[in-house]
Amino acid sequence: MEMSIRLLAIELYRAQQNVARIAAQIEALPVSSSAGTRSALFEELRQAEAEFKLLRKMLDDKKNSSFPAHPPGSPRSR
């Protein structure tokens, strides 16, 4: 499914917020929390960061393919 730049930007923002939310949860964990809880949150953060990076790349690629490197009428296109 091909997404528009606007929809990709919205999804990227949501992914960024999710990464920030999980990071805040990790920071707020009490020192006494179990290793399993800590490990699960770090895995969730890893997956959220991977999704964010993928969406960022998709948006960058979409922007680069949507705009010509040298618009018509620019000095380099002559």
N, C-alpha and C. Protein backbone atom coordinates (compact mmCIF):
# COMPACT_ATOMS: atom_id res chain seq x y z
N MET A 1 0.85 -1.18 0.00
CA MET A 1 0.00 0.00 0.00
C MET A 1 0.90 1.25 0.00
N GLU A 2 0.69 2.09 -0.97
CA GLU A 2 1.46 3.32 -1.08
C GLU A 2 0.78 4.41 -0.26
N MET A 3 1.55 5.07 0.59
CA MET A 3 1.01 6.12 1.44
C MET A 3 1.42 7.48 0.91
N SER A 4 0.56 8.46 1.13
CA SER A 4 0.92 9.82 0.76
C SER A 4 1.94 10.37 1.76
N ILE A 5 2.60 11.44 1.37
CA ILE A 5 3.58 12.07 2.25
C ILE A 5 2.90 12.50 3.55
N ARG A 6 1.70 13.03 3.45
CA ARG A 6 0.98 13.48 4.64
C ARG A 6 0.70 12.33 5.60
N LEU A 7 0.22 11.21 5.07
CA LEU A 7 -0.08 10.06 5.93
C LEU A 7 1.20 9.49 6.54
N LEU A 8 2.27 9.46 5.75
CA LEU A 8 3.54 8.99 6.29
C LEU A 8 4.03 9.90 7.42
N ALA A 9 3.86 11.20 7.23
CA ALA A 9 4.27 12.15 8.27
C ALA A 9 3.47 11.94 9.54
N ILE A 10 2.18 11.69 9.41
CA ILE A 10 1.33 11.44 10.58
C ILE A 10 1.78 10.17 11.29
N GLU A 11 2.03 9.11 10.53
CA GLU A 11 2.49 7.85 11.12
C GLU A 11 3.86 8.01 11.77
N LEU A 12 4.73 8.79 11.14
CA LEU A 12 6.05 9.04 11.71
C LEU A 12 5.92 9.75 13.05
N TYR A 13 5.04 10.73 13.12
CA TYR A 13 4.80 11.45 14.38
C TYR A 13 4.30 10.50 15.46
N ARG A 14 3.35 9.64 15.09
CA ARG A 14 2.83 8.66 16.07
C ARG A 14 3.93 7.72 16.55
N ALA A 15 4.78 7.28 15.63
CA ALA A 15 5.88 6.39 15.99
C ALA A 15 6.86 7.10 16.92
N GLN A 16 7.13 8.38 16.64
CA GLN A 16 8.03 9.17 17.49
C GLN A 16 7.45 9.31 18.89
N GLN A 17 6.16 9.55 18.98
CA GLN A 17 5.50 9.67 20.28
C GLN A 17 5.56 8.34 21.03
N ASN A 18 5.41 7.24 20.31
CA ASN A 18 5.47 5.91 20.93
C ASN A 18 6.86 5.64 21.50
N VAL A 19 7.90 5.99 20.74
CA VAL A 19 9.28 5.83 21.23
C VAL A 19 9.48 6.65 22.50
N ALA A 20 9.01 7.89 22.49
CA ALA A 20 9.16 8.77 23.66
C ALA A 20 8.39 8.21 24.87
N ARG A 21 7.21 7.66 24.62
CA ARG A 21 6.39 7.10 25.71
C ARG A 21 7.10 5.90 26.36
N ILE A 22 7.63 5.01 25.52
CA ILE A 22 8.30 3.82 26.05
C ILE A 22 9.59 4.22 26.78
N ALA A 23 10.33 5.16 26.22
CA ALA A 23 11.56 5.63 26.88
C ALA A 23 11.24 6.23 28.24
N ALA A 24 10.14 6.97 28.33
CA ALA A 24 9.73 7.55 29.61
C ALA A 24 9.34 6.45 30.61
N GLN A 25 8.70 5.40 30.11
CA GLN A 25 8.34 4.27 30.99
C GLN A 25 9.61 3.62 31.54
N ILE A 26 10.61 3.46 30.69
CA ILE A 26 11.87 2.85 31.13
C ILE A 26 12.53 3.73 32.19
N GLU A 27 12.54 5.03 31.95
CA GLU A 27 13.15 5.95 32.92
C GLU A 27 12.43 5.93 34.26
N ALA A 28 11.11 5.73 34.21
CA ALA A 28 10.32 5.77 35.43
C ALA A 28 10.31 4.44 36.18
N LEU A 29 10.90 3.41 35.59
CA LEU A 29 10.92 2.11 36.26
C LEU A 29 11.67 2.19 37.58
N PRO A 30 11.08 1.65 38.62
CA PRO A 30 11.82 1.61 39.89
C PRO A 30 13.02 0.66 39.77
N VAL A 31 14.04 0.96 40.52
CA VAL A 31 15.25 0.13 40.51
C VAL A 31 14.90 -1.31 40.89
N SER A 32 13.87 -1.46 41.69
CA SER A 32 13.49 -2.79 42.16
C SER A 32 12.67 -3.59 41.13
N SER A 33 12.41 -3.02 39.95
CA SER A 33 11.61 -3.74 38.96
C SER A 33 12.37 -4.97 38.48
N SER A 34 11.60 -5.97 38.05
CA SER A 34 12.22 -7.23 37.65
C SER A 34 12.97 -7.08 36.34
N ALA A 35 13.93 -7.96 36.15
CA ALA A 35 14.72 -7.96 34.92
C ALA A 35 13.82 -8.27 33.72
N GLY A 36 12.82 -9.08 33.94
CA GLY A 36 11.88 -9.43 32.87
C GLY A 36 11.09 -8.23 32.40
N THR A 37 10.63 -7.43 33.35
CA THR A 37 9.88 -6.22 33.02
C THR A 37 10.77 -5.26 32.26
N ARG A 38 11.96 -5.06 32.76
CA ARG A 38 12.92 -4.16 32.13
C ARG A 38 13.26 -4.65 30.72
N SER A 39 13.52 -5.93 30.59
CA SER A 39 13.87 -6.53 29.30
C SER A 39 12.73 -6.38 28.30
N ALA A 40 11.50 -6.59 28.75
CA ALA A 40 10.34 -6.47 27.86
C ALA A 40 10.19 -5.04 27.35
N LEU A 41 10.40 -4.07 28.22
CA LEU A 41 10.30 -2.68 27.80
C LEU A 41 11.41 -2.30 26.83
N PHE A 42 12.62 -2.78 27.07
CA PHE A 42 13.71 -2.49 26.14
C PHE A 42 13.45 -3.13 24.77
N GLU A 43 12.86 -4.31 24.75
CA GLU A 43 12.51 -4.94 23.47
C GLU A 43 11.41 -4.14 22.76
N GLU A 44 10.43 -3.68 23.51
CA GLU A 44 9.37 -2.85 22.94
C GLU A 44 9.96 -1.55 22.37
N LEU A 45 10.91 -0.97 23.09
CA LEU A 45 11.58 0.24 22.62
C LEU A 45 12.38 -0.04 21.35
N ARG A 46 13.07 -1.16 21.30
CA ARG A 46 13.84 -1.51 20.11
C ARG A 46 12.93 -1.63 18.89
N GLN A 47 11.78 -2.28 19.06
CA GLN A 47 10.84 -2.44 17.96
C GLN A 47 10.23 -1.09 17.55
N ALA A 48 9.91 -0.26 18.51
CA ALA A 48 9.34 1.06 18.22
C ALA A 48 10.35 1.93 17.47
N GLU A 49 11.62 1.85 17.87
CA GLU A 49 12.66 2.62 17.19
C GLU A 49 12.86 2.11 15.76
N ALA A 50 12.78 0.81 15.56
CA ALA A 50 12.92 0.24 14.21
C ALA A 50 11.77 0.71 13.32
N GLU A 51 10.56 0.74 13.87
CA GLU A 51 9.40 1.22 13.11
C GLU A 51 9.59 2.70 12.76
N PHE A 52 10.06 3.49 13.73
CA PHE A 52 10.29 4.91 13.49
C PHE A 52 11.32 5.11 12.37
N LYS A 53 12.42 4.36 12.42
CA LYS A 53 13.47 4.49 11.39
C LYS A 53 12.94 4.10 10.01
N LEU A 54 12.13 3.04 9.96
CA LEU A 54 11.56 2.60 8.69
C LEU A 54 10.64 3.68 8.11
N LEU A 55 9.77 4.23 8.96
CA LEU A 55 8.86 5.28 8.50
C LEU A 55 9.63 6.52 8.07
N ARG A 56 10.70 6.86 8.80
CA ARG A 56 11.53 8.02 8.44
C ARG A 56 12.15 7.82 7.05
N LYS A 57 12.65 6.60 6.81
CA LYS A 57 13.25 6.30 5.51
C LYS A 57 12.19 6.35 4.41
N MET A 58 11.02 5.79 4.68
CA MET A 58 9.94 5.81 3.69
C MET A 58 9.55 7.25 3.35
N LEU A 59 9.45 8.09 4.36
CA LEU A 59 9.07 9.49 4.14
C LEU A 59 10.17 10.21 3.36
N ASP A 60 11.42 10.01 3.73
CA ASP A 60 12.53 10.64 3.02
C ASP A 60 12.55 10.20 1.55
N ASP A 61 12.38 8.90 1.33
CA ASP A 61 12.38 8.38 -0.04
C ASP A 61 11.21 8.97 -0.84
N LYS A 62 10.06 9.06 -0.22
CA LYS A 62 8.88 9.60 -0.88
C LYS A 62 9.09 11.07 -1.23
N LYS A 63 9.66 11.83 -0.30
CA LYS A 63 9.92 13.25 -0.57
C LYS A 63 10.92 13.39 -1.70
N ASN A 64 11.98 12.59 -1.69
CA ASN A 64 13.02 12.68 -2.72
C ASN A 64 12.49 12.30 -4.10
N SER A 65 11.55 11.34 -4.16
CA SER A 65 11.02 10.93 -5.45
C SER A 65 9.91 11.87 -5.94
N SER A 66 9.34 12.64 -5.03
CA SER A 66 8.25 13.55 -5.40
C SER A 66 8.74 14.86 -5.97
N PHE A 67 9.96 15.24 -5.62
CA PHE A 67 10.49 16.52 -6.06
C PHE A 67 11.72 16.29 -6.93
N PRO A 68 11.72 16.88 -8.14
CA PRO A 68 12.90 16.71 -8.99
C PRO A 68 14.12 17.37 -8.35
N ALA A 69 15.27 16.84 -8.63
CA ALA A 69 16.50 17.38 -8.06
C ALA A 69 16.72 18.81 -8.51
N HIS A 70 16.36 19.10 -9.75
CA HIS A 70 16.53 20.45 -10.29
C HIS A 70 15.23 20.83 -11.00
N PRO A 71 14.41 21.65 -10.38
CA PRO A 71 13.13 22.01 -11.00
C PRO A 71 13.31 22.71 -12.33
N PRO A 72 12.34 22.58 -13.22
CA PRO A 72 12.44 23.25 -14.52
C PRO A 72 12.63 24.76 -14.32
N GLY A 73 13.49 25.31 -15.15
CA GLY A 73 13.75 26.74 -15.06
C GLY A 73 14.90 27.10 -14.14
N SER A 74 15.39 26.11 -13.38
CA SER A 74 16.52 26.40 -12.51
C SER A 74 17.79 26.44 -13.36
N PRO A 75 18.82 27.12 -12.91
CA PRO A 75 20.04 27.24 -13.70
C PRO A 75 20.63 25.90 -14.15
N ARG A 76 20.50 24.88 -13.33
CA ARG A 76 21.12 23.58 -13.70
C ARG A 76 20.32 22.81 -14.74
N SER A 77 19.04 23.15 -14.92
CA SER A 77 18.24 22.39 -15.88
C SER A 77 18.36 22.93 -17.29
N ARG A 78 19.11 23.98 -17.49
CA ARG A 78 19.25 24.56 -18.84
C ARG A 78 20.45 24.02 -19.54
